[in-house]
C-alpha atoms as a PDB file:
ATOM      1  CA  SER A   1     -21.504   4.877  -2.369  1.00  0.00           C
ATOM      2  CA  THR A   2     -19.587   8.197  -2.028  1.00  0.00           C
ATOM      3  CA  ALA A   3     -16.567   9.739  -0.485  1.00  0.00           C
ATOM      4  CA  GLU A   4     -15.835  13.336   0.006  1.00  0.00           C
ATOM      5  CA  ARG A   5     -19.066  13.748  -2.365  1.00  0.00           C
ATOM      6  CA  GLU A   6     -17.139  12.226  -5.103  1.00  0.00           C
ATOM      7  CA  PRO A   7     -17.963   8.581  -7.081  1.00  0.00           C
ATOM      8  CA  VAL A   8     -16.005   5.552  -5.480  1.00  0.00           C
ATOM      9  CA  VAL A   9     -14.704   2.970  -7.641  1.00  0.00           C
ATOM     10  CA  LEU A  10     -12.838   0.157  -7.083  1.00  0.00           C
ATOM     11  CA  PHE A  11      -9.854   0.859  -9.110  1.00  0.00           C
ATOM     12  CA  LYS A  12      -7.463  -2.480  -8.407  1.00  0.00           C
ATOM     13  CA  ASP A  13      -8.035  -5.487  -6.321  1.00  0.00           C
ATOM     14  CA  LYS A  14      -4.749  -7.715  -5.354  1.00  0.00           C
ATOM     15  CA  LEU A  15      -4.131 -10.793  -2.863  1.00  0.00           C
ATOM     16  CA  ASN A  16      -0.913 -10.901  -1.622  1.00  0.00           C
ATOM     17  CA  TYR A  17       0.000 -14.502  -0.717  1.00  0.00           C
ATOM     18  CA  LYS A  18       2.803 -15.235   1.336  1.00  0.00           C
ATOM     19  CA  GLY A  19       3.728 -18.626   2.504  1.00  0.00           C
ATOM     20  CA  PRO A  20       5.659 -19.872   5.317  1.00  0.00           C
ATOM     21  CA  GLY A  21       9.309 -18.446   5.401  1.00  0.00           C
ATOM     22  CA  GLY A  22       8.449 -16.455   2.325  1.00  0.00           C
ATOM     23  CA  GLY A  23      10.069 -13.116   1.810  1.00  0.00           C
ATOM     24  CA  GLY A  24       8.276  -9.748   2.053  1.00  0.00           C
ATOM     25  CA  PHE A  25       8.145  -6.477   0.279  1.00  0.00           C
ATOM     26  CA  LEU A  26      10.895  -3.947   0.481  1.00  0.00           C
ATOM     27  CA  ALA A  27       9.686  -0.315   1.616  1.00  0.00           C
ATOM     28  CA  HIS A  28       7.403   1.113  -0.962  1.00  0.00           C
ATOM     29  CA  GLN A  29       4.536   4.027  -1.476  1.00  0.00           C
ATOM     30  CA  ASP A  30       1.736   2.576  -3.097  1.00  0.00           C
ATOM     31  CA  ALA A  31       0.808   5.602  -4.746  1.00  0.00           C
ATOM     32  CA  THR A  32       3.953   5.389  -6.769  1.00  0.00           C
ATOM     33  CA  ALA A  33       2.033   2.967  -8.830  1.00  0.00           C
ATOM     34  CA  TYR A  34      -0.979   4.892  -9.512  1.00  0.00           C
ATOM     35  CA  ALA A  35       0.700   8.418  -9.883  1.00  0.00           C
ATOM     36  CA  ASP A  36      -0.241   8.626 -13.505  1.00  0.00           C
ATOM     37  CA  LEU A  37      -3.636   7.116 -13.424  1.00  0.00           C
ATOM     38  CA  VAL A  38      -5.355   8.880 -10.199  1.00  0.00           C
ATOM     39  CA  THR A  39      -4.681  11.735  -8.201  1.00  0.00           C
ATOM     40  CA  ARG A  40      -6.205  10.247  -4.603  1.00  0.00           C
ATOM     41  CA  HIS A  41      -6.767   6.869  -3.626  1.00  0.00           C
ATOM     42  CA  VAL A  42      -7.120   4.478  -0.728  1.00  0.00           C
ATOM     43  CA  SER A  43      -5.159   1.674  -0.050  1.00  0.00           C
ATOM     44  CA  ALA A  44      -6.745  -1.108   2.361  1.00  0.00           C
ATOM     45  CA  LEU A  45      -5.698  -4.439   3.783  1.00  0.00           C
ATOM     46  CA  VAL A  46      -7.631  -7.208   4.838  1.00  0.00           C
ATOM     47  CA  ALA A  47      -5.838  -9.661   6.769  1.00  0.00           C
ATOM     48  CA  ILE A  48      -7.038 -13.386   6.553  1.00  0.00           C
ATOM     49  CA  ASP A  49      -4.515 -14.682   9.107  1.00  0.00           C
ATOM     50  CA  ARG A  50      -3.308 -12.974  12.138  1.00  0.00           C
ATOM     51  CA  SER A  51      -0.376 -10.448  11.652  1.00  0.00           C
ATOM     52  CA  THR A  52       2.711 -10.531  13.714  1.00  0.00           C
ATOM     53  CA  ALA A  53       6.117  -9.419  13.722  1.00  0.00           C
ATOM     54  CA  GLU A  54       7.416 -12.850  13.487  1.00  0.00           C
ATOM     55  CA  ASN A  55       5.039 -13.697  10.298  1.00  0.00           C
ATOM     56  CA  GLY A  56       5.961 -10.276   8.552  1.00  0.00           C
ATOM     57  CA  ALA A  57       3.093  -8.099   9.336  1.00  0.00           C
ATOM     58  CA  LEU A  58       2.488  -4.976   7.523  1.00  0.00           C
ATOM     59  CA  MET A  59       4.303  -1.965   8.842  1.00  0.00           C
ATOM     60  CA  ILE A  60       2.759   1.227   8.149  1.00  0.00           C
ATOM     61  CA  ALA A  61       4.108   4.882   8.768  1.00  0.00           C
ATOM     62  CA  PRO A  62       1.163   7.249  10.245  1.00  0.00           C
ATOM     63  CA  GLY A  63       1.073  10.623   8.748  1.00  0.00           C
ATOM     64  CA  ARG A  64       3.711  10.129   6.262  1.00  0.00           C
ATOM     65  CA  HIS A  65       1.307  10.098   3.404  1.00  0.00           C
ATOM     66  CA  ALA A  66       0.790  13.759   3.846  1.00  0.00           C
ATOM     67  CA  GLU A  67       4.573  14.201   2.663  1.00  0.00           C
ATOM     68  CA  GLY A  68       3.540  13.171  -1.123  1.00  0.00           C
ATOM     69  CA  ILE A  69       5.894  11.001  -2.912  1.00  0.00           C
ATOM     70  CA  PHE A  70       9.236   9.908  -1.791  1.00  0.00           C
ATOM     71  CA  PRO A  71      12.382   9.397  -4.073  1.00  0.00           C
ATOM     72  CA  HIS A  72      12.278   6.039  -4.997  1.00  0.00           C
ATOM     73  CA  ASP A  73      13.566   3.426  -7.872  1.00  0.00           C
ATOM     74  CA  ASP A  74      10.905   1.782  -9.529  1.00  0.00           C
ATOM     75  CA  GLY A  75       8.476   2.521  -6.538  1.00  0.00           C
ATOM     76  CA  VAL A  76      11.256   1.207  -4.197  1.00  0.00           C
ATOM     77  CA  LEU A  77      12.463   3.720  -1.252  1.00  0.00           C
ATOM     78  CA  ARG A  78      15.326   5.139  -1.787  1.00  0.00           C
ATOM     79  CA  GLU A  79      17.522   5.502   1.821  1.00  0.00           C
END
């Protein structure tokens, strides 16, 4: 498989399990975890259960990726 005429590889896979009433993640950018390893990446979510505001759906900020890495502390965005 290729994307933008470059080879595509699976860099990391991860399962985020959240039980009933479980907490979520603070606002963050995935790119901060990979900045020293790769210059471009794609993060994808495949939801197994229905995602709603009530059960803690993932929030995405469209277009913000084009603004680069935001100020953060260990990956958590500063206010």
